[in-house]
Every structure is written in structure tokens, then in C-alpha cells.
PDB file of N, CA and C in Angstrom:
ATOM      1  N   ALA A   1     -41.731  49.066  61.051  1.00  0.00           N
ATOM      2  CA  ALA A   1     -42.319  49.228  59.728  1.00  0.00           C
ATOM      3  C   ALA A   1     -43.836  49.108  59.794  1.00  0.00           C
ATOM      4  N   ASN A   2     -44.423  49.475  60.927  1.00  0.00           N
ATOM      5  CA  ASN A   2     -45.869  49.450  61.084  1.00  0.00           C
ATOM      6  C   ASN A   2     -46.461  48.091  60.738  1.00  0.00           C
ATOM      7  N   VAL A   3     -45.922  47.058  61.361  1.00  0.00           N
ATOM      8  CA  VAL A   3     -46.392  45.680  61.178  1.00  0.00           C
ATOM      9  C   VAL A   3     -47.068  45.249  62.471  1.00  0.00           C
ATOM     10  N   ALA A   4     -48.197  44.551  62.355  1.00  0.00           N
ATOM     11  CA  ALA A   4     -48.903  44.063  63.543  1.00  0.00           C
ATOM     12  C   ALA A   4     -48.804  42.549  63.617  1.00  0.00           C
ATOM     13  N   ILE A   5     -48.364  42.055  64.773  1.00  0.00           N
ATOM     14  CA  ILE A   5     -48.386  40.617  65.042  1.00  0.00           C
ATOM     15  C   ILE A   5     -49.502  40.437  66.065  1.00  0.00           C
ATOM     16  N   VAL A   6     -50.597  39.860  65.607  1.00  0.00           N
ATOM     17  CA  VAL A   6     -51.839  39.836  66.371  1.00  0.00           C
ATOM     18  C   VAL A   6     -51.941  38.575  67.209  1.00  0.00           C
ATOM     19  N   GLY A   7     -52.282  38.744  68.488  1.00  0.00           N
ATOM     20  CA  GLY A   7     -52.534  37.608  69.358  1.00  0.00           C
ATOM     21  C   GLY A   7     -53.903  37.018  69.062  1.00  0.00           C
ATOM     22  N   GLY A   8     -54.052  35.741  69.321  1.00  0.00           N
ATOM     23  CA  GLY A   8     -55.317  35.080  69.035  1.00  0.00           C
ATOM     24  C   GLY A   8     -55.895  34.436  70.268  1.00  0.00           C
ATOM     25  N   ASP A   9     -56.093  35.210  71.323  1.00  0.00           N
ATOM     26  CA  ASP A   9     -56.459  34.587  72.587  1.00  0.00           C
ATOM     27  C   ASP A   9     -57.813  35.037  73.128  1.00  0.00           C
ATOM     28  N   HIS A  10     -58.768  35.296  72.268  1.00  0.00           N
ATOM     29  CA  HIS A  10     -60.099  35.691  72.735  1.00  0.00           C
ATOM     30  C   HIS A  10     -61.058  34.514  72.639  1.00  0.00           C
ATOM     31  N   ARG A  11     -61.671  34.170  73.755  1.00  0.00           N
ATOM     32  CA  ARG A  11     -62.643  33.068  73.755  1.00  0.00           C
ATOM     33  C   ARG A  11     -63.955  33.565  73.179  1.00  0.00           C
ATOM     34  N   PHE A  12     -64.528  32.782  72.318  1.00  0.00           N
ATOM     35  CA  PHE A  12     -65.815  33.148  71.733  1.00  0.00           C
ATOM     36  C   PHE A  12     -66.901  32.119  72.044  1.00  0.00           C
ATOM     37  N   ASP A  13     -66.557  31.146  72.886  1.00  0.00           N
ATOM     38  CA  ASP A  13     -67.538  30.115  73.244  1.00  0.00           C
ATOM     39  C   ASP A  13     -68.318  30.459  74.515  1.00  0.00           C
ATOM     40  N   ILE A  14     -68.001  31.594  75.144  1.00  0.00           N
ATOM     41  CA  ILE A  14     -68.705  32.043  76.344  1.00  0.00           C
ATOM     42  C   ILE A  14     -69.325  33.399  76.018  1.00  0.00           C
ATOM     43  N   VAL A  15     -70.622  33.492  76.118  1.00  0.00           N
ATOM     44  CA  VAL A  15     -71.334  34.709  75.730  1.00  0.00           C
ATOM     45  C   VAL A  15     -71.427  35.691  76.887  1.00  0.00           C
ATOM     46  N   GLY A  16     -71.194  36.981  76.585  1.00  0.00           N
ATOM     47  CA  GLY A  16     -71.468  38.044  77.532  1.00  0.00           C
ATOM     48  C   GLY A  16     -70.459  38.257  78.631  1.00  0.00           C
ATOM     49  N   ILE A  17     -69.316  37.593  78.581  1.00  0.00           N
ATOM     50  CA  ILE A  17     -68.299  37.768  79.618  1.00  0.00           C
ATOM     51  C   ILE A  17     -67.040  38.327  78.963  1.00  0.00           C
ATOM     52  N   PRO A  18     -66.534  39.472  79.464  1.00  0.00           N
ATOM     53  CA  PRO A  18     -65.297  40.008  78.895  1.00  0.00           C
ATOM     54  C   PRO A  18     -64.172  38.974  78.959  1.00  0.00           C
ATOM     55  N   SER A  19     -63.344  38.938  77.946  1.00  0.00           N
ATOM     56  CA  SER A  19     -62.302  37.912  77.853  1.00  0.00           C
ATOM     57  C   SER A  19     -61.360  37.919  79.045  1.00  0.00           C
ATOM     58  N   ARG A  20     -61.150  39.061  79.673  1.00  0.00           N
ATOM     59  CA  ARG A  20     -60.218  39.093  80.807  1.00  0.00           C
ATOM     60  C   ARG A  20     -60.739  38.318  82.009  1.00  0.00           C
ATOM     61  N   PHE A  21     -62.053  38.016  82.051  1.00  0.00           N
ATOM     62  CA  PHE A  21     -62.635  37.276  83.166  1.00  0.00           C
ATOM     63  C   PHE A  21     -62.842  35.790  82.867  1.00  0.00           C
ATOM     64  N   THR A  22     -62.559  35.358  81.666  1.00  0.00           N
ATOM     65  CA  THR A  22     -62.848  33.967  81.303  1.00  0.00           C
ATOM     66  C   THR A  22     -61.692  33.028  81.587  1.00  0.00           C
ATOM     67  N   GLY A  23     -60.515  33.551  81.863  1.00  0.00           N
ATOM     68  CA  GLY A  23     -59.353  32.692  82.085  1.00  0.00           C
ATOM     69  C   GLY A  23     -58.861  32.101  80.778  1.00  0.00           C
ATOM     70  N   ARG A  24     -57.879  31.224  80.866  1.00  0.00           N
ATOM     71  CA  ARG A  24     -57.292  30.651  79.661  1.00  0.00           C
ATOM     72  C   ARG A  24     -57.615  29.168  79.550  1.00  0.00           C
ATOM     73  N   ASP A  25     -58.540  28.679  80.361  1.00  0.00           N
ATOM     74  CA  ASP A  25     -58.905  27.263  80.311  1.00  0.00           C
ATOM     75  C   ASP A  25     -59.382  26.890  78.914  1.00  0.00           C
ATOM     76  N   GLY A  26     -58.879  25.803  78.406  1.00  0.00           N
ATOM     77  CA  GLY A  26     -59.313  25.309  77.109  1.00  0.00           C
ATOM     78  C   GLY A  26     -58.707  26.025  75.924  1.00  0.00           C
ATOM     79  N   MET A  27     -57.812  26.969  76.168  1.00  0.00           N
ATOM     80  CA  MET A  27     -57.195  27.708  75.059  1.00  0.00           C
ATOM     81  C   MET A  27     -55.772  27.219  74.858  1.00  0.00           C
ATOM     82  N   LYS A  28     -55.390  27.027  73.608  1.00  0.00           N
ATOM     83  CA  LYS A  28     -54.014  26.615  73.354  1.00  0.00           C
ATOM     84  C   LYS A  28     -53.151  27.845  73.097  1.00  0.00           C
ATOM     85  N   GLU A  29     -51.922  27.771  73.554  1.00  0.00           N
ATOM     86  CA  GLU A  29     -50.993  28.871  73.343  1.00  0.00           C
ATOM     87  C   GLU A  29     -50.565  28.877  71.885  1.00  0.00           C
ATOM     88  N   MET A  30     -50.585  30.060  71.278  1.00  0.00           N
ATOM     89  CA  MET A  30     -50.237  30.172  69.867  1.00  0.00           C
ATOM     90  C   MET A  30     -48.936  30.956  69.737  1.00  0.00           C
ATOM     91  N   VAL A  31     -47.879  30.282  69.318  1.00  0.00           N
ATOM     92  CA  VAL A  31     -46.565  30.897  69.182  1.00  0.00           C
ATOM     93  C   VAL A  31     -46.369  31.321  67.729  1.00  0.00           C
ATOM     94  N   THR A  32     -46.006  32.568  67.536  1.00  0.00           N
ATOM     95  CA  THR A  32     -45.705  33.091  66.208  1.00  0.00           C
ATOM     96  C   THR A  32     -44.192  33.084  66.042  1.00  0.00           C
ATOM     97  N   THR A  33     -43.702  32.533  64.919  1.00  0.00           N
ATOM     98  CA  THR A  33     -42.265  32.414  64.679  1.00  0.00           C
ATOM     99  C   THR A  33     -41.904  33.118  63.380  1.00  0.00           C
ATOM    100  N   ILE A  34     -40.879  33.985  63.448  1.00  0.00           N
ATOM    101  CA  ILE A  34     -40.350  34.649  62.257  1.00  0.00           C
ATOM    102  C   ILE A  34     -38.873  34.296  62.196  1.00  0.00           C
ATOM    103  N   GLU A  35     -38.485  33.525  61.177  1.00  0.00           N
ATOM    104  CA  GLU A  35     -37.110  33.045  61.068  1.00  0.00           C
ATOM    105  C   GLU A  35     -36.186  34.119  60.481  1.00  0.00           C
ATOM    106  N   ASP A  36     -34.895  33.770  60.311  1.00  0.00           N
ATOM    107  CA  ASP A  36     -33.866  34.680  59.808  1.00  0.00           C
ATOM    108  C   ASP A  36     -34.169  35.171  58.397  1.00  0.00           C
ATOM    109  N   ASP A  37     -33.667  36.374  58.097  1.00  0.00           N
ATOM    110  CA  ASP A  37     -33.645  36.922  56.741  1.00  0.00           C
ATOM    111  C   ASP A  37     -35.044  37.100  56.155  1.00  0.00           C
ATOM    112  N   VAL A  38     -36.006  37.463  56.986  1.00  0.00           N
ATOM    113  CA  VAL A  38     -37.386  37.694  56.544  1.00  0.00           C
ATOM    114  C   VAL A  38     -37.600  39.196  56.392  1.00  0.00           C
ATOM    115  N   TRP A  39     -38.303  39.592  55.334  1.00  0.00           N
ATOM    116  CA  TRP A  39     -38.673  40.989  55.136  1.00  0.00           C
ATOM    117  C   TRP A  39     -40.189  41.065  55.146  1.00  0.00           C
ATOM    118  N   ILE A  40     -40.733  41.933  56.009  1.00  0.00           N
ATOM    119  CA  ILE A  40     -42.179  42.094  56.121  1.00  0.00           C
ATOM    120  C   ILE A  40     -42.523  43.525  55.742  1.00  0.00           C
ATOM    121  N   GLY A  41     -43.353  43.678  54.715  1.00  0.00           N
ATOM    122  CA  GLY A  41     -43.703  44.992  54.191  1.00  0.00           C
ATOM    123  C   GLY A  41     -44.614  45.795  55.111  1.00  0.00           C
ATOM    124  N   PHE A  42     -44.605  47.093  54.897  1.00  0.00           N
ATOM    125  CA  PHE A  42     -45.364  48.068  55.675  1.00  0.00           C
ATOM    126  C   PHE A  42     -46.847  47.697  55.737  1.00  0.00           C
ATOM    127  N   GLY A  43     -47.398  47.788  56.931  1.00  0.00           N
ATOM    128  CA  GLY A  43     -48.825  47.592  57.107  1.00  0.00           C
ATOM    129  C   GLY A  43     -49.299  46.156  57.101  1.00  0.00           C
ATOM    130  N   SER A  44     -48.376  45.216  57.113  1.00  0.00           N
ATOM    131  CA  SER A  44     -48.776  43.805  57.117  1.00  0.00           C
ATOM    132  C   SER A  44     -49.281  43.394  58.491  1.00  0.00           C
ATOM    133  N   ILE A  45     -50.138  42.382  58.497  1.00  0.00           N
ATOM    134  CA  ILE A  45     -50.673  41.827  59.734  1.00  0.00           C
ATOM    135  C   ILE A  45     -50.343  40.343  59.751  1.00  0.00           C
ATOM    136  N   ILE A  46     -49.716  39.892  60.836  1.00  0.00           N
ATOM    137  CA  ILE A  46     -49.339  38.489  61.013  1.00  0.00           C
ATOM    138  C   ILE A  46     -50.225  37.932  62.122  1.00  0.00           C
ATOM    139  N   LEU A  47     -51.023  36.911  61.822  1.00  0.00           N
ATOM    140  CA  LEU A  47     -51.907  36.337  62.830  1.00  0.00           C
ATOM    141  C   LEU A  47     -51.155  35.377  63.747  1.00  0.00           C
ATOM    142  N   ALA A  48     -51.684  35.184  64.933  1.00  0.00           N
ATOM    143  CA  ALA A  48     -51.066  34.335  65.950  1.00  0.00           C
ATOM    144  C   ALA A  48     -50.904  32.906  65.452  1.00  0.00           C
ATOM    145  N   GLY A  49     -49.792  32.292  65.859  1.00  0.00           N
ATOM    146  CA  GLY A  49     -49.553  30.889  65.553  1.00  0.00           C
ATOM    147  C   GLY A  49     -48.916  30.625  64.209  1.00  0.00           C
ATOM    148  N   VAL A  50     -48.643  31.676  63.441  1.00  0.00           N
ATOM    149  CA  VAL A  50     -48.066  31.527  62.107  1.00  0.00           C
ATOM    150  C   VAL A  50     -46.549  31.400  62.198  1.00  0.00           C
ATOM    151  N   LYS A  51     -45.973  30.587  61.318  1.00  0.00           N
ATOM    152  CA  LYS A  51     -44.516  30.489  61.188  1.00  0.00           C
ATOM    153  C   LYS A  51     -44.138  31.043  59.824  1.00  0.00           C
ATOM    154  N   ILE A  52     -43.229  32.035  59.824  1.00  0.00           N
ATOM    155  CA  ILE A  52     -42.721  32.594  58.574  1.00  0.00           C
ATOM    156  C   ILE A  52     -41.314  32.051  58.388  1.00  0.00           C
ATOM    157  N   GLY A  53     -41.125  31.266  57.341  1.00  0.00           N
ATOM    158  CA  GLY A  53     -39.867  30.576  57.089  1.00  0.00           C
ATOM    159  C   GLY A  53     -38.736  31.501  56.675  1.00  0.00           C
ATOM    160  N   ARG A  54     -37.539  31.015  56.849  1.00  0.00           N
ATOM    161  CA  ARG A  54     -36.310  31.737  56.530  1.00  0.00           C
ATOM    162  C   ARG A  54     -36.365  32.321  55.118  1.00  0.00           C
ATOM    163  N   GLY A  55     -35.939  33.582  55.011  1.00  0.00           N
ATOM    164  CA  GLY A  55     -35.790  34.211  53.708  1.00  0.00           C
ATOM    165  C   GLY A  55     -37.079  34.612  53.017  1.00  0.00           C
ATOM    166  N   ALA A  56     -38.206  34.496  53.698  1.00  0.00           N
ATOM    167  CA  ALA A  56     -39.488  34.836  53.071  1.00  0.00           C
ATOM    168  C   ALA A  56     -39.651  36.351  52.958  1.00  0.00           C
ATOM    169  N   ILE A  57     -40.485  36.756  52.016  1.00  0.00           N
ATOM    170  CA  ILE A  57     -40.838  38.163  51.831  1.00  0.00           C
ATOM    171  C   ILE A  57     -42.358  38.260  51.895  1.00  0.00           C
ATOM    172  N   ILE A  58     -42.836  39.205  52.706  1.00  0.00           N
ATOM    173  CA  ILE A  58     -44.267  39.456  52.829  1.00  0.00           C
ATOM    174  C   ILE A  58     -44.532  40.836  52.235  1.00  0.00           C
ATOM    175  N   ALA A  59     -45.368  40.903  51.200  1.00  0.00           N
ATOM    176  CA  ALA A  59     -45.669  42.170  50.530  1.00  0.00           C
ATOM    177  C   ALA A  59     -46.407  43.117  51.473  1.00  0.00           C
ATOM    178  N   ALA A  60     -46.231  44.417  51.240  1.00  0.00           N
ATOM    179  CA  ALA A  60     -46.889  45.434  52.057  1.00  0.00           C
ATOM    180  C   ALA A  60     -48.399  45.230  52.062  1.00  0.00           C
ATOM    181  N   GLY A  61     -48.998  45.422  53.229  1.00  0.00           N
ATOM    182  CA  GLY A  61     -50.443  45.345  53.362  1.00  0.00           C
ATOM    183  C   GLY A  61     -51.029  43.948  53.394  1.00  0.00           C
ATOM    184  N   SER A  62     -50.191  42.938  53.464  1.00  0.00           N
ATOM    185  CA  SER A  62     -50.673  41.551  53.460  1.00  0.00           C
ATOM    186  C   SER A  62     -51.208  41.141  54.827  1.00  0.00           C
ATOM    187  N   VAL A  63     -52.095  40.152  54.822  1.00  0.00           N
ATOM    188  CA  VAL A  63     -52.583  39.542  56.057  1.00  0.00           C
ATOM    189  C   VAL A  63     -52.184  38.076  56.004  1.00  0.00           C
ATOM    190  N   VAL A  64     -51.226  37.698  56.859  1.00  0.00           N
ATOM    191  CA  VAL A  64     -50.694  36.336  56.865  1.00  0.00           C
ATOM    192  C   VAL A  64     -51.509  35.508  57.852  1.00  0.00           C
ATOM    193  N   THR A  65     -52.245  34.519  57.323  1.00  0.00           N
ATOM    194  CA  THR A  65     -53.134  33.695  58.143  1.00  0.00           C
ATOM    195  C   THR A  65     -52.630  32.263  58.294  1.00  0.00           C
ATOM    196  N   LYS A  66     -51.655  31.880  57.454  1.00  0.00           N
ATOM    197  CA  LYS A  66     -51.125  30.507  57.465  1.00  0.00           C
ATOM    198  C   LYS A  66     -49.608  30.550  57.397  1.00  0.00           C
ATOM    199  N   ASP A  67     -48.973  29.414  57.700  1.00  0.00           N
ATOM    200  CA  ASP A  67     -47.514  29.322  57.641  1.00  0.00           C
ATOM    201  C   ASP A  67     -46.999  29.694  56.255  1.00  0.00           C
ATOM    202  N   VAL A  68     -45.816  30.314  56.240  1.00  0.00           N
ATOM    203  CA  VAL A  68     -45.166  30.746  55.006  1.00  0.00           C
ATOM    204  C   VAL A  68     -43.922  29.893  54.806  1.00  0.00           C
ATOM    205  N   PRO A  69     -43.776  29.235  53.645  1.00  0.00           N
ATOM    206  CA  PRO A  69     -42.590  28.413  53.398  1.00  0.00           C
ATOM    207  C   PRO A  69     -41.315  29.260  53.305  1.00  0.00           C
ATOM    208  N   GLU A  70     -40.177  28.612  53.500  1.00  0.00           N
ATOM    209  CA  GLU A  70     -38.890  29.292  53.328  1.00  0.00           C
ATOM    210  C   GLU A  70     -38.792  29.871  51.921  1.00  0.00           C
ATOM    211  N   TYR A  71     -38.231  31.069  51.829  1.00  0.00           N
ATOM    212  CA  TYR A  71     -37.936  31.747  50.564  1.00  0.00           C
ATOM    213  C   TYR A  71     -39.154  31.962  49.670  1.00  0.00           C
ATOM    214  N   ALA A  72     -40.333  32.053  50.275  1.00  0.00           N
ATOM    215  CA  ALA A  72     -41.553  32.336  49.512  1.00  0.00           C
ATOM    216  C   ALA A  72     -41.792  33.843  49.487  1.00  0.00           C
ATOM    217  N   ILE A  73     -42.355  34.333  48.398  1.00  0.00           N
ATOM    218  CA  ILE A  73     -42.823  35.715  48.321  1.00  0.00           C
ATOM    219  C   ILE A  73     -44.343  35.642  48.379  1.00  0.00           C
ATOM    220  N   MET A  74     -44.899  36.226  49.440  1.00  0.00           N
ATOM    221  CA  MET A  74     -46.334  36.139  49.701  1.00  0.00           C
ATOM    222  C   MET A  74     -46.942  37.534  49.685  1.00  0.00           C
ATOM    223  N   GLY A  75     -48.204  37.623  49.274  1.00  0.00           N
ATOM    224  CA  GLY A  75     -48.888  38.906  49.291  1.00  0.00           C
ATOM    225  C   GLY A  75     -50.381  38.735  49.184  1.00  0.00           C
ATOM    226  N   GLY A  76     -51.106  39.749  49.635  1.00  0.00           N
ATOM    227  CA  GLY A  76     -52.552  39.763  49.502  1.00  0.00           C
ATOM    228  C   GLY A  76     -53.279  39.591  50.815  1.00  0.00           C
ATOM    229  N   VAL A  77     -54.616  39.595  50.703  1.00  0.00           N
ATOM    230  CA  VAL A  77     -55.493  39.426  51.860  1.00  0.00           C
ATOM    231  C   VAL A  77     -56.502  38.341  51.523  1.00  0.00           C
ATOM    232  N   PRO A  78     -56.350  37.143  52.046  1.00  0.00           N
ATOM    233  CA  PRO A  78     -55.214  36.669  52.833  1.00  0.00           C
ATOM    234  C   PRO A  78     -53.984  36.467  51.940  1.00  0.00           C
ATOM    235  N   ALA A  79     -52.810  36.422  52.556  1.00  0.00           N
ATOM    236  CA  ALA A  79     -51.565  36.271  51.796  1.00  0.00           C
ATOM    237  C   ALA A  79     -51.524  34.928  51.078  1.00  0.00           C
ATOM    238  N   LYS A  80     -51.127  34.988  49.807  1.00  0.00           N
ATOM    239  CA  LYS A  80     -50.970  33.789  48.978  1.00  0.00           C
ATOM    240  C   LYS A  80     -49.595  33.825  48.331  1.00  0.00           C
ATOM    241  N   LEU A  81     -49.133  32.658  47.897  1.00  0.00           N
ATOM    242  CA  LEU A  81     -47.828  32.573  47.244  1.00  0.00           C
ATOM    243  C   LEU A  81     -47.859  33.338  45.925  1.00  0.00           C
ATOM    244  N   ILE A  82     -46.948  34.293  45.775  1.00  0.00           N
ATOM    245  CA  ILE A  82     -46.782  35.016  44.516  1.00  0.00           C
ATOM    246  C   ILE A  82     -45.787  34.256  43.655  1.00  0.00           C
ATOM    247  N   ARG A  83     -44.655  33.943  44.266  1.00  0.00           N
ATOM    248  CA  ARG A  83     -43.640  33.116  43.599  1.00  0.00           C
ATOM    249  C   ARG A  83     -42.565  32.779  44.618  1.00  0.00           C
ATOM    250  N   ASP A  84     -41.676  31.865  44.234  1.00  0.00           N
ATOM    251  CA  ASP A  84     -40.522  31.569  45.074  1.00  0.00           C
ATOM    252  C   ASP A  84     -39.484  32.670  44.883  1.00  0.00           C
ATOM    253  N   ARG A  85     -38.776  32.989  45.945  1.00  0.00           N
ATOM    254  CA  ARG A  85     -37.752  34.036  45.892  1.00  0.00           C
ATOM    255  C   ARG A  85     -36.543  33.587  45.073  1.00  0.00           C
ATOM    256  N   PHE A  86     -36.157  32.332  45.216  1.00  0.00           N
ATOM    257  CA  PHE A  86     -34.980  31.787  44.544  1.00  0.00           C
ATOM    258  C   PHE A  86     -35.297  30.428  43.946  1.00  0.00           C
ATOM    259  N   THR A  87     -34.421  29.978  43.042  1.00  0.00           N
ATOM    260  CA  THR A  87     -34.476  28.586  42.598  1.00  0.00           C
ATOM    261  C   THR A  87     -33.962  27.723  43.745  1.00  0.00           C
ATOM    262  N   GLU A  88     -34.128  26.422  43.629  1.00  0.00           N
ATOM    263  CA  GLU A  88     -33.665  25.523  44.692  1.00  0.00           C
ATOM    264  C   GLU A  88     -32.153  25.651  44.903  1.00  0.00           C
ATOM    265  N   GLU A  89     -31.401  25.751  43.817  1.00  0.00           N
ATOM    266  CA  GLU A  89     -29.939  25.891  43.915  1.00  0.00           C
ATOM    267  C   GLU A  89     -29.568  27.223  44.576  1.00  0.00           C
ATOM    268  N   GLN A  90     -30.252  28.295  44.191  1.00  0.00           N
ATOM    269  CA  GLN A  90     -29.988  29.601  44.795  1.00  0.00           C
ATOM    270  C   GLN A  90     -30.337  29.603  46.284  1.00  0.00           C
ATOM    271  N   GLN A  91     -31.393  28.870  46.652  1.00  0.00           N
ATOM    272  CA  GLN A  91     -31.761  28.770  48.069  1.00  0.00           C
ATOM    273  C   GLN A  91     -30.633  28.143  48.873  1.00  0.00           C
ATOM    274  N   LYS A  92     -30.060  27.068  48.338  1.00  0.00           N
ATOM    275  CA  LYS A  92     -28.958  26.397  49.039  1.00  0.00           C
ATOM    276  C   LYS A  92     -27.773  27.341  49.203  1.00  0.00           C
ATOM    277  N   GLU A  93     -27.430  28.067  48.128  1.00  0.00           N
ATOM    278  CA  GLU A  93     -26.297  28.993  48.175  1.00  0.00           C
ATOM    279  C   GLU A  93     -26.581  30.133  49.161  1.00  0.00           C
ATOM    280  N   HIS A  94     -27.780  30.663  49.116  1.00  0.00           N
ATOM    281  CA  HIS A  94     -28.146  31.760  50.007  1.00  0.00           C
ATOM    282  C   HIS A  94     -28.120  31.304  51.469  1.00  0.00           C
ATOM    283  N   THR A  95     -28.644  30.118  51.731  1.00  0.00           N
ATOM    284  CA  THR A  95     -28.648  29.568  53.092  1.00  0.00           C
ATOM    285  C   THR A  95     -27.221  29.398  53.596  1.00  0.00           C
ATOM    286  N   ARG A  96     -26.344  28.872  52.747  1.00  0.00           N
ATOM    287  CA  ARG A  96     -24.939  28.694  53.130  1.00  0.00           C
ATOM    288  C   ARG A  96     -24.303  30.052  53.453  1.00  0.00           C
ATOM    289  N   SER A  97     -24.533  31.055  52.598  1.00  0.00           N
ATOM    290  CA  SER A  97     -23.974  32.389  52.830  1.00  0.00           C
ATOM    291  C   SER A  97     -24.510  32.997  54.121  1.00  0.00           C
ATOM    292  N   LEU A  98     -25.805  32.821  54.362  1.00  0.00           N
ATOM    293  CA  LEU A  98     -26.419  33.368  55.567  1.00  0.00           C
ATOM    294  C   LEU A  98     -25.837  32.717  56.818  1.00  0.00           C
ATOM    295  N   GLU A  99     -25.635  31.410  56.771  1.00  0.00           N
ATOM    296  CA  GLU A  99     -25.054  30.717  57.922  1.00  0.00           C
ATOM    297  C   GLU A  99     -23.627  31.185  58.180  1.00  0.00           C
ATOM    298  N   GLU A 100     -22.860  31.421  57.123  1.00  0.00           N
ATOM    299  CA  GLU A 100     -21.505  31.963  57.281  1.00  0.00           C
ATOM    300  C   GLU A 100     -21.567  33.357  57.899  1.00  0.00           C
ATOM    301  N   LEU A 101     -22.500  34.159  57.414  1.00  0.00           N
ATOM    302  CA  LEU A 101     -22.656  35.515  57.921  1.00  0.00           C
ATOM    303  C   LEU A 101     -23.001  35.513  59.408  1.00  0.00           C
ATOM    304  N   LEU A 102     -23.880  34.625  59.811  1.00  0.00           N
ATOM    305  CA  LEU A 102     -24.303  34.575  61.208  1.00  0.00           C
ATOM    306  C   LEU A 102     -23.183  34.117  62.139  1.00  0.00           C
ATOM    307  N   LYS A 103     -22.146  33.482  61.586  1.00  0.00           N
ATOM    308  CA  LYS A 103     -20.990  33.087  62.393  1.00  0.00           C
ATOM    309  C   LYS A 103     -20.147  34.297  62.780  1.00  0.00           C
ATOM    310  N   CYS A 104     -20.204  35.364  61.982  1.00  0.00           N
ATOM    311  CA  CYS A 104     -19.439  36.576  62.275  1.00  0.00           C
ATOM    312  C   CYS A 104     -19.985  37.196  63.554  1.00  0.00           C
ATOM    313  N   GLN A 105     -19.099  37.577  64.449  1.00  0.00           N
ATOM    314  CA  GLN A 105     -19.521  38.054  65.762  1.00  0.00           C
ATOM    315  C   GLN A 105     -19.830  39.545  65.810  1.00  0.00           C
ATOM    316  N   ASP A 106     -19.232  40.347  64.943  1.00  0.00           N
ATOM    317  CA  ASP A 106     -19.454  41.787  65.048  1.00  0.00           C
ATOM    318  C   ASP A 106     -19.977  42.360  63.730  1.00  0.00           C
ATOM    319  N   ALA A 107     -20.566  43.547  63.819  1.00  0.00           N
ATOM    320  CA  ALA A 107     -21.207  44.183  62.664  1.00  0.00           C
ATOM    321  C   ALA A 107     -20.205  44.471  61.549  1.00  0.00           C
ATOM    322  N   GLU A 108     -18.975  44.862  61.906  1.00  0.00           N
ATOM    323  CA  GLU A 108     -17.968  45.170  60.891  1.00  0.00           C
ATOM    324  C   GLU A 108     -17.633  43.924  60.076  1.00  0.00           C
ATOM    325  N   SER A 109     -17.472  42.789  60.741  1.00  0.00           N
ATOM    326  CA  SER A 109     -17.189  41.532  60.037  1.00  0.00           C
ATOM    327  C   SER A 109     -18.354  41.140  59.143  1.00  0.00           C
ATOM    328  N   ARG A 110     -19.578  41.330  59.624  1.00  0.00           N
ATOM    329  CA  ARG A 110     -20.758  41.001  58.818  1.00  0.00           C
ATOM    330  C   ARG A 110     -20.820  41.873  57.575  1.00  0.00           C
ATOM    331  N   SER A 111     -20.563  43.175  57.731  1.00  0.00           N
ATOM    332  CA  SER A 111     -20.589  44.090  56.586  1.00  0.00           C
ATOM    333  C   SER A 111     -19.545  43.692  55.557  1.00  0.00           C
ATOM    334  N   TYR A 112     -18.340  43.364  56.017  1.00  0.00           N
ATOM    335  CA  TYR A 112     -17.275  42.943  55.114  1.00  0.00           C
ATOM    336  C   TYR A 112     -17.683  41.671  54.377  1.00  0.00           C
ATOM    337  N   HIS A 113     -18.231  40.710  55.099  1.00  0.00           N
ATOM    338  CA  HIS A 113     -18.639  39.442  54.501  1.00  0.00           C
ATOM    339  C   HIS A 113     -19.727  39.668  53.451  1.00  0.00           C
ATOM    340  N   LEU A 114     -20.703  40.504  53.760  1.00  0.00           N
ATOM    341  CA  LEU A 114     -21.778  40.796  52.807  1.00  0.00           C
ATOM    342  C   LEU A 114     -21.236  41.443  51.539  1.00  0.00           C
ATOM    343  N   MET A 115     -20.316  42.416  51.702  1.00  0.00           N
ATOM    344  CA  MET A 115     -19.740  43.098  50.553  1.00  0.00           C
ATOM    345  C   MET A 115     -18.950  42.114  49.696  1.00  0.00           C
ATOM    346  N   LYS A 116     -18.172  41.257  50.332  1.00  0.00           N
ATOM    347  CA  LYS A 116     -17.376  40.255  49.623  1.00  0.00           C
ATOM    348  C   LYS A 116     -18.279  39.317  48.821  1.00  0.00           C
ATOM    349  N   GLU A 117     -19.370  38.841  49.431  1.00  0.00           N
ATOM    350  CA  GLU A 117     -20.315  37.953  48.746  1.00  0.00           C
ATOM    351  C   GLU A 117     -20.987  38.659  47.576  1.00  0.00           C
ATOM    352  N   PHE A 118     -21.351  39.935  47.757  1.00  0.00           N
ATOM    353  CA  PHE A 118     -22.003  40.693  46.695  1.00  0.00           C
ATOM    354  C   PHE A 118     -21.077  40.845  45.491  1.00  0.00           C
ATOM    355  N   ILE A 119     -19.819  41.194  45.745  1.00  0.00           N
ATOM    356  CA  ILE A 119     -18.842  41.360  44.657  1.00  0.00           C
ATOM    357  C   ILE A 119     -18.624  40.036  43.947  1.00  0.00           C
ATOM    358  N   LYS A 120     -18.523  38.953  44.706  1.00  0.00           N
ATOM    359  CA  LYS A 120     -18.317  37.621  44.129  1.00  0.00           C
ATOM    360  C   LYS A 120     -19.477  37.245  43.200  1.00  0.00           C
ATOM    361  N   ARG A 121     -20.698  37.513  43.612  1.00  0.00           N
ATOM    362  CA  ARG A 121     -21.875  37.159  42.806  1.00  0.00           C
ATOM    363  C   ARG A 121     -22.052  38.075  41.604  1.00  0.00           C
ATOM    364  N   SER A 122     -21.516  39.292  41.687  1.00  0.00           N
ATOM    365  CA  SER A 122     -21.691  40.265  40.609  1.00  0.00           C
ATOM    366  C   SER A 122     -20.773  40.014  39.425  1.00  0.00           C
ATOM    367  N   LYS A 123     -19.760  39.181  39.614  1.00  0.00           N
ATOM    368  CA  LYS A 123     -18.791  38.937  38.534  1.00  0.00           C
ATOM    369  C   LYS A 123     -19.357  38.042  37.475  1.00  0.00           C
TER     370      LYS A 123
END
């Protein structure tokens, strides 16, 4: 979906030396984490070291510079909280359903489980 996850490993404390010759001394490794059930919109940029929590939504064209809480809807440059995706009770129910879904071993079982949950919630 044309999303960039940007590394953050360029030293700027040494002048005039290309980064490939400076080594990694003094630099901390930055791990970017994207948890389950996350949707990232077209053209978004995720900076190094950011954690995007379970169930979060990132609006198209956003630049994520900080950690994103679970089930948050974020957007903008830099990305800011627009609103929560669910109420606290809905978050618990969604998390439970997602965990049940992840227990299913094959795609057919997952599709059936999703359809069953959708019909149950639609009543």
C-alpha cells in the first residue's frame, strides 16, 4: 500500500564522512513494531523505533513519529490521535474475537469464524 518504514541509522555527529564509513559505534538499534490487526493508509511513513499497537488505524499520508496506542485512530503530519477506534468494552470484545481467530490454523476456518462473528454482531 505504498507505505514506508524508515530506518533511523544516520550519524549526524561526525561531519563530512559518509554514513557507510562511520560504523555503528554509539548508535542504538531502533526496532519498529507493528502489532496484529493494524491498518496503515496509503502513503504513510513510519519512523524507526515506533511501536504501533494492536488494532490501530493510521490515516493515509500520515507520518508516525511516536508510539501509537492500541485501537487508536491516528492521522496527520506528525500523526496525532483523532479518536479511539472502540470503547473500552468493545476493545475487550474485539481482542477476544481476534485471539480466537488467531487460534484457527487455516484460512477457511478463519473466514468461517469471521463470518460467524459478523452475523452475531449484526443481530
